[in-house]
Amino acid sequence: MMVDLYFGLRDQLEYKLGDTYRWRTGRSVKNGGRPPEGNLDGEGYTECPLCRKDLFVIVRVRNDVLQSVEPNTEKKPFIPD
């Protein structure tokens, strides 16, 4: 499933779990720079290609490696039921 990520280098790159995440050089964390020790719980957004439902996700990066993606149950989707 494709997930739009809202942190780091956002140049339509493709990642899979276990990949090294790319950060913007010389920038603050809020502007895409590397967080301390390469650890971040960032936000993402996706839509299911089959049912067309959407959801926000929490993307965990540890030591610059994409570790996990899980639903963010605290944030409401855009597409109504």
PDB file of N, CA and C in Angstrom:
ATOM      1  N   MET A   1       0.850  -1.171   0.000  1.00  0.00           N
ATOM      2  CA  MET A   1       0.000   0.000   0.000  1.00  0.00           C
ATOM      3  C   MET A   1       0.894   1.233   0.000  1.00  0.00           C
ATOM      4  N   MET A   2       0.541   2.209  -0.759  1.00  0.00           N
ATOM      5  CA  MET A   2       1.283   3.465  -0.819  1.00  0.00           C
ATOM      6  C   MET A   2       0.842   4.365   0.335  1.00  0.00           C
ATOM      7  N   VAL A   3       1.807   4.999   0.979  1.00  0.00           N
ATOM      8  CA  VAL A   3       1.544   5.916   2.085  1.00  0.00           C
ATOM      9  C   VAL A   3       2.264   7.229   1.791  1.00  0.00           C
ATOM     10  N   ASP A   4       1.541   8.334   1.892  1.00  0.00           N
ATOM     11  CA  ASP A   4       2.166   9.656   1.785  1.00  0.00           C
ATOM     12  C   ASP A   4       2.780   9.986   3.132  1.00  0.00           C
ATOM     13  N   LEU A   5       4.062  10.335   3.135  1.00  0.00           N
ATOM     14  CA  LEU A   5       4.773  10.651   4.369  1.00  0.00           C
ATOM     15  C   LEU A   5       4.974  12.150   4.463  1.00  0.00           C
ATOM     16  N   TYR A   6       4.822  12.694   5.664  1.00  0.00           N
ATOM     17  CA  TYR A   6       4.879  14.136   5.873  1.00  0.00           C
ATOM     18  C   TYR A   6       6.090  14.552   6.688  1.00  0.00           C
ATOM     19  N   PHE A   7       7.230  13.924   6.449  1.00  0.00           N
ATOM     20  CA  PHE A   7       8.467  14.264   7.150  1.00  0.00           C
ATOM     21  C   PHE A   7       9.647  13.814   6.300  1.00  0.00           C
ATOM     22  N   GLY A   8      10.820  14.308   6.648  1.00  0.00           N
ATOM     23  CA  GLY A   8      12.029  13.913   5.930  1.00  0.00           C
ATOM     24  C   GLY A   8      12.053  14.432   4.501  1.00  0.00           C
ATOM     25  N   LEU A   9      12.791  13.745   3.659  1.00  0.00           N
ATOM     26  CA  LEU A   9      12.908  14.099   2.248  1.00  0.00           C
ATOM     27  C   LEU A   9      11.655  13.619   1.528  1.00  0.00           C
ATOM     28  N   ARG A  10      10.846  14.547   1.042  1.00  0.00           N
ATOM     29  CA  ARG A  10       9.540  14.193   0.462  1.00  0.00           C
ATOM     30  C   ARG A  10       9.565  14.407  -1.050  1.00  0.00           C
ATOM     31  N   ASP A  11      10.316  13.576  -1.741  1.00  0.00           N
ATOM     32  CA  ASP A  11      10.473  13.713  -3.186  1.00  0.00           C
ATOM     33  C   ASP A  11       9.909  12.518  -3.943  1.00  0.00           C
ATOM     34  N   GLN A  12       8.744  12.049  -3.556  1.00  0.00           N
ATOM     35  CA  GLN A  12       8.090  10.902  -4.182  1.00  0.00           C
ATOM     36  C   GLN A  12       9.010   9.689  -4.252  1.00  0.00           C
ATOM     37  N   LEU A  13       9.688   9.444  -3.148  1.00  0.00           N
ATOM     38  CA  LEU A  13      10.560   8.287  -3.044  1.00  0.00           C
ATOM     39  C   LEU A  13       9.740   7.071  -2.642  1.00  0.00           C
ATOM     40  N   GLU A  14      10.223   5.902  -2.987  1.00  0.00           N
ATOM     41  CA  GLU A  14       9.544   4.673  -2.589  1.00  0.00           C
ATOM     42  C   GLU A  14      10.377   3.975  -1.522  1.00  0.00           C
ATOM     43  N   TYR A  15       9.695   3.595  -0.443  1.00  0.00           N
ATOM     44  CA  TYR A  15      10.333   2.884   0.657  1.00  0.00           C
ATOM     45  C   TYR A  15       9.552   1.618   0.946  1.00  0.00           C
ATOM     46  N   LYS A  16      10.241   0.678   1.597  1.00  0.00           N
ATOM     47  CA  LYS A  16       9.561  -0.478   2.184  1.00  0.00           C
ATOM     48  C   LYS A  16      10.139  -0.653   3.585  1.00  0.00           C
ATOM     49  N   LEU A  17       9.443  -1.386   4.428  1.00  0.00           N
ATOM     50  CA  LEU A  17       9.931  -1.594   5.788  1.00  0.00           C
ATOM     51  C   LEU A  17      11.354  -2.135   5.740  1.00  0.00           C
ATOM     52  N   GLY A  18      12.208  -1.593   6.596  1.00  0.00           N
ATOM     53  CA  GLY A  18      13.605  -2.005   6.646  1.00  0.00           C
ATOM     54  C   GLY A  18      14.532  -1.112   5.844  1.00  0.00           C
ATOM     55  N   ASP A  19      13.976  -0.228   5.023  1.00  0.00           N
ATOM     56  CA  ASP A  19      14.803   0.696   4.241  1.00  0.00           C
ATOM     57  C   ASP A  19      15.342   1.817   5.111  1.00  0.00           C
ATOM     58  N   THR A  20      16.490   2.370   4.718  1.00  0.00           N
ATOM     59  CA  THR A  20      17.052   3.538   5.372  1.00  0.00           C
ATOM     60  C   THR A  20      16.302   4.766   4.899  1.00  0.00           C
ATOM     61  N   TYR A  21      15.818   5.558   5.854  1.00  0.00           N
ATOM     62  CA  TYR A  21      15.031   6.744   5.516  1.00  0.00           C
ATOM     63  C   TYR A  21      15.965   7.903   5.188  1.00  0.00           C
ATOM     64  N   ARG A  22      15.580   8.725   4.230  1.00  0.00           N
ATOM     65  CA  ARG A  22      16.398   9.865   3.810  1.00  0.00           C
ATOM     66  C   ARG A  22      15.856  11.159   4.416  1.00  0.00           C
ATOM     67  N   TRP A  23      16.776  11.972   4.909  1.00  0.00           N
ATOM     68  CA  TRP A  23      16.439  13.250   5.530  1.00  0.00           C
ATOM     69  C   TRP A  23      17.013  14.380   4.686  1.00  0.00           C
ATOM     70  N   ARG A  24      16.503  15.575   4.887  1.00  0.00           N
ATOM     71  CA  ARG A  24      17.026  16.752   4.185  1.00  0.00           C
ATOM     72  C   ARG A  24      18.249  17.265   4.941  1.00  0.00           C
ATOM     73  N   THR A  25      19.341  17.378   4.265  1.00  0.00           N
ATOM     74  CA  THR A  25      20.604  17.815   4.852  1.00  0.00           C
ATOM     75  C   THR A  25      20.548  19.289   5.248  1.00  0.00           C
ATOM     76  N   GLY A  26      21.045  19.573   6.452  1.00  0.00           N
ATOM     77  CA  GLY A  26      21.156  20.951   6.913  1.00  0.00           C
ATOM     78  C   GLY A  26      19.847  21.619   7.261  1.00  0.00           C
ATOM     79  N   ARG A  27      18.784  20.848   7.468  1.00  0.00           N
ATOM     80  CA  ARG A  27      17.473  21.406   7.813  1.00  0.00           C
ATOM     81  C   ARG A  27      17.074  20.990   9.219  1.00  0.00           C
ATOM     82  N   SER A  28      16.158  21.769   9.803  1.00  0.00           N
ATOM     83  CA  SER A  28      15.605  21.389  11.103  1.00  0.00           C
ATOM     84  C   SER A  28      14.658  20.206  10.905  1.00  0.00           C
ATOM     85  N   VAL A  29      14.339  19.522  11.993  1.00  0.00           N
ATOM     86  CA  VAL A  29      13.445  18.363  11.912  1.00  0.00           C
ATOM     87  C   VAL A  29      12.102  18.759  11.307  1.00  0.00           C
ATOM     88  N   LYS A  30      11.550  19.911  11.728  1.00  0.00           N
ATOM     89  CA  LYS A  30      10.236  20.317  11.206  1.00  0.00           C
ATOM     90  C   LYS A  30      10.280  20.653   9.713  1.00  0.00           C
ATOM     91  N   ASN A  31      11.488  20.843   9.177  1.00  0.00           N
ATOM     92  CA  ASN A  31      11.644  21.107   7.744  1.00  0.00           C
ATOM     93  C   ASN A  31      12.280  19.939   7.001  1.00  0.00           C
ATOM     94  N   GLY A  32      12.161  18.747   7.580  1.00  0.00           N
ATOM     95  CA  GLY A  32      12.629  17.543   6.907  1.00  0.00           C
ATOM     96  C   GLY A  32      14.006  17.062   7.306  1.00  0.00           C
ATOM     97  N   GLY A  33      14.635  17.729   8.262  1.00  0.00           N
ATOM     98  CA  GLY A  33      15.971  17.328   8.705  1.00  0.00           C
ATOM     99  C   GLY A  33      15.949  16.096   9.596  1.00  0.00           C
ATOM    100  N   ARG A  34      17.121  15.576   9.833  1.00  0.00           N
ATOM    101  CA  ARG A  34      17.257  14.352  10.632  1.00  0.00           C
ATOM    102  C   ARG A  34      16.999  14.644  12.108  1.00  0.00           C
ATOM    103  N   PRO A  35      16.115  13.855  12.724  1.00  0.00           N
ATOM    104  CA  PRO A  35      15.866  14.013  14.162  1.00  0.00           C
ATOM    105  C   PRO A  35      17.018  13.395  14.965  1.00  0.00           C
ATOM    106  N   PRO A  36      17.097  13.704  16.255  1.00  0.00           N
ATOM    107  CA  PRO A  36      18.154  13.125  17.082  1.00  0.00           C
ATOM    108  C   PRO A  36      18.170  11.601  16.979  1.00  0.00           C
ATOM    109  N   GLU A  37      19.352  11.051  16.723  1.00  0.00           N
ATOM    110  CA  GLU A  37      19.574   9.604  16.597  1.00  0.00           C
ATOM    111  C   GLU A  37      18.773   8.966  15.469  1.00  0.00           C
ATOM    112  N   GLY A  38      18.151   9.764  14.611  1.00  0.00           N
ATOM    113  CA  GLY A  38      17.382   9.215  13.494  1.00  0.00           C
ATOM    114  C   GLY A  38      16.081   8.564  13.911  1.00  0.00           C
ATOM    115  N   ASN A  39      15.521   8.994  15.054  1.00  0.00           N
ATOM    116  CA  ASN A  39      14.288   8.414  15.593  1.00  0.00           C
ATOM    117  C   ASN A  39      13.134   9.392  15.458  1.00  0.00           C
ATOM    118  N   LEU A  40      12.033   8.923  14.873  1.00  0.00           N
ATOM    119  CA  LEU A  40      10.868   9.784  14.679  1.00  0.00           C
ATOM    120  C   LEU A  40       9.608   8.941  14.572  1.00  0.00           C
ATOM    121  N   ASP A  41       8.527   9.406  15.190  1.00  0.00           N
ATOM    122  CA  ASP A  41       7.190   8.868  14.955  1.00  0.00           C
ATOM    123  C   ASP A  41       6.485   9.920  14.127  1.00  0.00           C
ATOM    124  N   GLY A  42       6.377   9.679  12.834  1.00  0.00           N
ATOM    125  CA  GLY A  42       5.836  10.667  11.918  1.00  0.00           C
ATOM    126  C   GLY A  42       4.459  10.295  11.406  1.00  0.00           C
ATOM    127  N   GLU A  43       3.827  11.268  10.758  1.00  0.00           N
ATOM    128  CA  GLU A  43       2.477  11.063  10.234  1.00  0.00           C
ATOM    129  C   GLU A  43       2.516  10.692   8.762  1.00  0.00           C
ATOM    130  N   GLY A  44       1.571   9.857   8.401  1.00  0.00           N
ATOM    131  CA  GLY A  44       1.370   9.487   7.007  1.00  0.00           C
ATOM    132  C   GLY A  44      -0.115   9.403   6.722  1.00  0.00           C
ATOM    133  N   TYR A  45      -0.439   9.273   5.444  1.00  0.00           N
ATOM    134  CA  TYR A  45      -1.845   9.196   5.015  1.00  0.00           C
ATOM    135  C   TYR A  45      -1.918   8.216   3.855  1.00  0.00           C
ATOM    136  N   THR A  46      -2.985   7.431   3.817  1.00  0.00           N
ATOM    137  CA  THR A  46      -3.157   6.466   2.731  1.00  0.00           C
ATOM    138  C   THR A  46      -4.629   6.238   2.425  1.00  0.00           C
ATOM    139  N   GLU A  47      -4.882   5.756   1.226  1.00  0.00           N
ATOM    140  CA  GLU A  47      -6.217   5.326   0.814  1.00  0.00           C
ATOM    141  C   GLU A  47      -6.101   3.899   0.302  1.00  0.00           C
ATOM    142  N   CYS A  48      -7.056   3.059   0.670  1.00  0.00           N
ATOM    143  CA  CYS A  48      -7.077   1.683   0.200  1.00  0.00           C
ATOM    144  C   CYS A  48      -7.457   1.664  -1.281  1.00  0.00           C
ATOM    145  N   PRO A  49      -6.671   1.019  -2.127  1.00  0.00           N
ATOM    146  CA  PRO A  49      -6.992   0.991  -3.557  1.00  0.00           C
ATOM    147  C   PRO A  49      -8.225   0.142  -3.875  1.00  0.00           C
ATOM    148  N   LEU A  50      -8.626  -0.728  -2.960  1.00  0.00           N
ATOM    149  CA  LEU A  50      -9.791  -1.587  -3.205  1.00  0.00           C
ATOM    150  C   LEU A  50     -11.096  -0.958  -2.731  1.00  0.00           C
ATOM    151  N   CYS A  51     -11.132  -0.545  -1.461  1.00  0.00           N
ATOM    152  CA  CYS A  51     -12.390  -0.041  -0.900  1.00  0.00           C
ATOM    153  C   CYS A  51     -12.484   1.485  -0.921  1.00  0.00           C
ATOM    154  N   ARG A  52     -11.373   2.153  -1.246  1.00  0.00           N
ATOM    155  CA  ARG A  52     -11.308   3.617  -1.336  1.00  0.00           C
ATOM    156  C   ARG A  52     -11.470   4.321   0.013  1.00  0.00           C
ATOM    157  N   LYS A  53     -11.385   3.596   1.120  1.00  0.00           N
ATOM    158  CA  LYS A  53     -11.391   4.216   2.448  1.00  0.00           C
ATOM    159  C   LYS A  53      -9.996   4.767   2.728  1.00  0.00           C
ATOM    160  N   ASP A  54      -9.931   5.788   3.564  1.00  0.00           N
ATOM    161  CA  ASP A  54      -8.653   6.404   3.876  1.00  0.00           C
ATOM    162  C   ASP A  54      -8.369   6.323   5.365  1.00  0.00           C
ATOM    163  N   LEU A  55      -7.103   6.536   5.717  1.00  0.00           N
ATOM    164  CA  LEU A  55      -6.739   6.577   7.121  1.00  0.00           C
ATOM    165  C   LEU A  55      -5.383   7.253   7.277  1.00  0.00           C
ATOM    166  N   PHE A  56      -5.213   7.826   8.444  1.00  0.00           N
ATOM    167  CA  PHE A  56      -3.926   8.379   8.829  1.00  0.00           C
ATOM    168  C   PHE A  56      -3.154   7.277   9.540  1.00  0.00           C
ATOM    169  N   VAL A  57      -1.835   7.312   9.412  1.00  0.00           N
ATOM    170  CA  VAL A  57      -0.995   6.293  10.027  1.00  0.00           C
ATOM    171  C   VAL A  57       0.151   6.952  10.797  1.00  0.00           C
ATOM    172  N   ILE A  58       0.720   6.178  11.716  1.00  0.00           N
ATOM    173  CA  ILE A  58       1.927   6.576  12.426  1.00  0.00           C
ATOM    174  C   ILE A  58       3.057   5.739  11.852  1.00  0.00           C
ATOM    175  N   VAL A  59       4.078   6.413  11.367  1.00  0.00           N
ATOM    176  CA  VAL A  59       5.225   5.754  10.754  1.00  0.00           C
ATOM    177  C   VAL A  59       6.398   5.890  11.727  1.00  0.00           C
ATOM    178  N   ARG A  60       6.940   4.763  12.137  1.00  0.00           N
ATOM    179  CA  ARG A  60       8.047   4.775  13.096  1.00  0.00           C
ATOM    180  C   ARG A  60       9.374   4.544  12.376  1.00  0.00           C
ATOM    181  N   VAL A  61      10.285   5.500  12.591  1.00  0.00           N
ATOM    182  CA  VAL A  61      11.648   5.399  12.063  1.00  0.00           C
ATOM    183  C   VAL A  61      12.579   5.333  13.269  1.00  0.00           C
ATOM    184  N   ARG A  62      13.429   4.314  13.303  1.00  0.00           N
ATOM    185  CA  ARG A  62      14.385   4.141  14.404  1.00  0.00           C
ATOM    186  C   ARG A  62      15.775   3.979  13.816  1.00  0.00           C
ATOM    187  N   ASN A  63      16.710   4.800  14.310  1.00  0.00           N
ATOM    188  CA  ASN A  63      18.089   4.773  13.807  1.00  0.00           C
ATOM    189  C   ASN A  63      18.112   4.869  12.290  1.00  0.00           C
ATOM    190  N   ASP A  64      17.261   5.749  11.752  1.00  0.00           N
ATOM    191  CA  ASP A  64      17.158   6.035  10.316  1.00  0.00           C
ATOM    192  C   ASP A  64      16.564   4.895   9.490  1.00  0.00           C
ATOM    193  N   VAL A  65      16.001   3.882  10.138  1.00  0.00           N
ATOM    194  CA  VAL A  65      15.420   2.748   9.422  1.00  0.00           C
ATOM    195  C   VAL A  65      13.909   2.748   9.614  1.00  0.00           C
ATOM    196  N   LEU A  66      13.171   2.588   8.520  1.00  0.00           N
ATOM    197  CA  LEU A  66      11.709   2.528   8.547  1.00  0.00           C
ATOM    198  C   LEU A  66      11.298   1.223   9.221  1.00  0.00           C
ATOM    199  N   GLN A  67      10.737   1.336  10.442  1.00  0.00           N
ATOM    200  CA  GLN A  67      10.441   0.161  11.258  1.00  0.00           C
ATOM    201  C   GLN A  67       9.007  -0.347  11.141  1.00  0.00           C
ATOM    202  N   SER A  68       8.026   0.572  11.191  1.00  0.00           N
ATOM    203  CA  SER A  68       6.638   0.111  11.198  1.00  0.00           C
ATOM    204  C   SER A  68       5.687   1.214  10.754  1.00  0.00           C
ATOM    205  N   VAL A  69       4.510   0.769  10.351  1.00  0.00           N
ATOM    206  CA  VAL A  69       3.409   1.667   9.988  1.00  0.00           C
ATOM    207  C   VAL A  69       2.164   1.093  10.636  1.00  0.00           C
ATOM    208  N   GLU A  70       1.442   1.939  11.398  1.00  0.00           N
ATOM    209  CA  GLU A  70       0.219   1.459  12.046  1.00  0.00           C
ATOM    210  C   GLU A  70      -0.850   2.544  11.993  1.00  0.00           C
ATOM    211  N   PRO A  71      -2.117   2.151  12.037  1.00  0.00           N
ATOM    212  CA  PRO A  71      -3.201   3.138  11.974  1.00  0.00           C
ATOM    213  C   PRO A  71      -3.134   4.116  13.137  1.00  0.00           C
ATOM    214  N   ASN A  72      -3.441   5.372  12.847  1.00  0.00           N
ATOM    215  CA  ASN A  72      -3.571   6.385  13.882  1.00  0.00           C
ATOM    216  C   ASN A  72      -5.066   6.480  14.206  1.00  0.00           C
ATOM    217  N   THR A  73      -5.478   5.800  15.265  1.00  0.00           N
ATOM    218  CA  THR A  73      -6.894   5.724  15.616  1.00  0.00           C
ATOM    219  C   THR A  73      -7.424   7.016  16.229  1.00  0.00           C
ATOM    220  N   GLU A  74      -6.529   7.953  16.539  1.00  0.00           N
ATOM    221  CA  GLU A  74      -6.958   9.215  17.145  1.00  0.00           C
ATOM    222  C   GLU A  74      -7.297  10.282  16.101  1.00  0.00           C
ATOM    223  N   LYS A  75      -6.999  10.030  14.842  1.00  0.00           N
ATOM    224  CA  LYS A  75      -7.232  11.022  13.802  1.00  0.00           C
ATOM    225  C   LYS A  75      -8.297  10.518  12.837  1.00  0.00           C
ATOM    226  N   LYS A  76      -9.317  11.340  12.621  1.00  0.00           N
ATOM    227  CA  LYS A  76     -10.426  10.958  11.751  1.00  0.00           C
ATOM    228  C   LYS A  76     -10.029  11.008  10.279  1.00  0.00           C
ATOM    229  N   PRO A  77     -10.504  10.039   9.506  1.00  0.00           N
ATOM    230  CA  PRO A  77     -10.230  10.068   8.063  1.00  0.00           C
ATOM    231  C   PRO A  77     -11.005  11.197   7.369  1.00  0.00           C
ATOM    232  N   PHE A  78     -10.578  11.538   6.156  1.00  0.00           N
ATOM    233  CA  PHE A  78     -11.268  12.550   5.372  1.00  0.00           C
ATOM    234  C   PHE A  78     -12.535  12.016   4.725  1.00  0.00           C
ATOM    235  N   ILE A  79     -12.469  10.771   4.247  1.00  0.00           N
ATOM    236  CA  ILE A  79     -13.583  10.179   3.497  1.00  0.00           C
ATOM    237  C   ILE A  79     -14.604   9.603   4.489  1.00  0.00           C
ATOM    238  N   PRO A  80     -15.837  10.119   4.464  1.00  0.00           N
ATOM    239  CA  PRO A  80     -16.860   9.609   5.401  1.00  0.00           C
ATOM    240  C   PRO A  80     -17.280   8.191   5.068  1.00  0.00           C
ATOM    241  N   ASP A  81     -17.779   7.487   6.088  1.00  0.00           N
ATOM    242  CA  ASP A  81     -18.287   6.124   5.868  1.00  0.00           C
ATOM    243  C   ASP A  81     -19.463   6.219   4.992  1.00  0.00           C
TER     244      ASP A  81
END
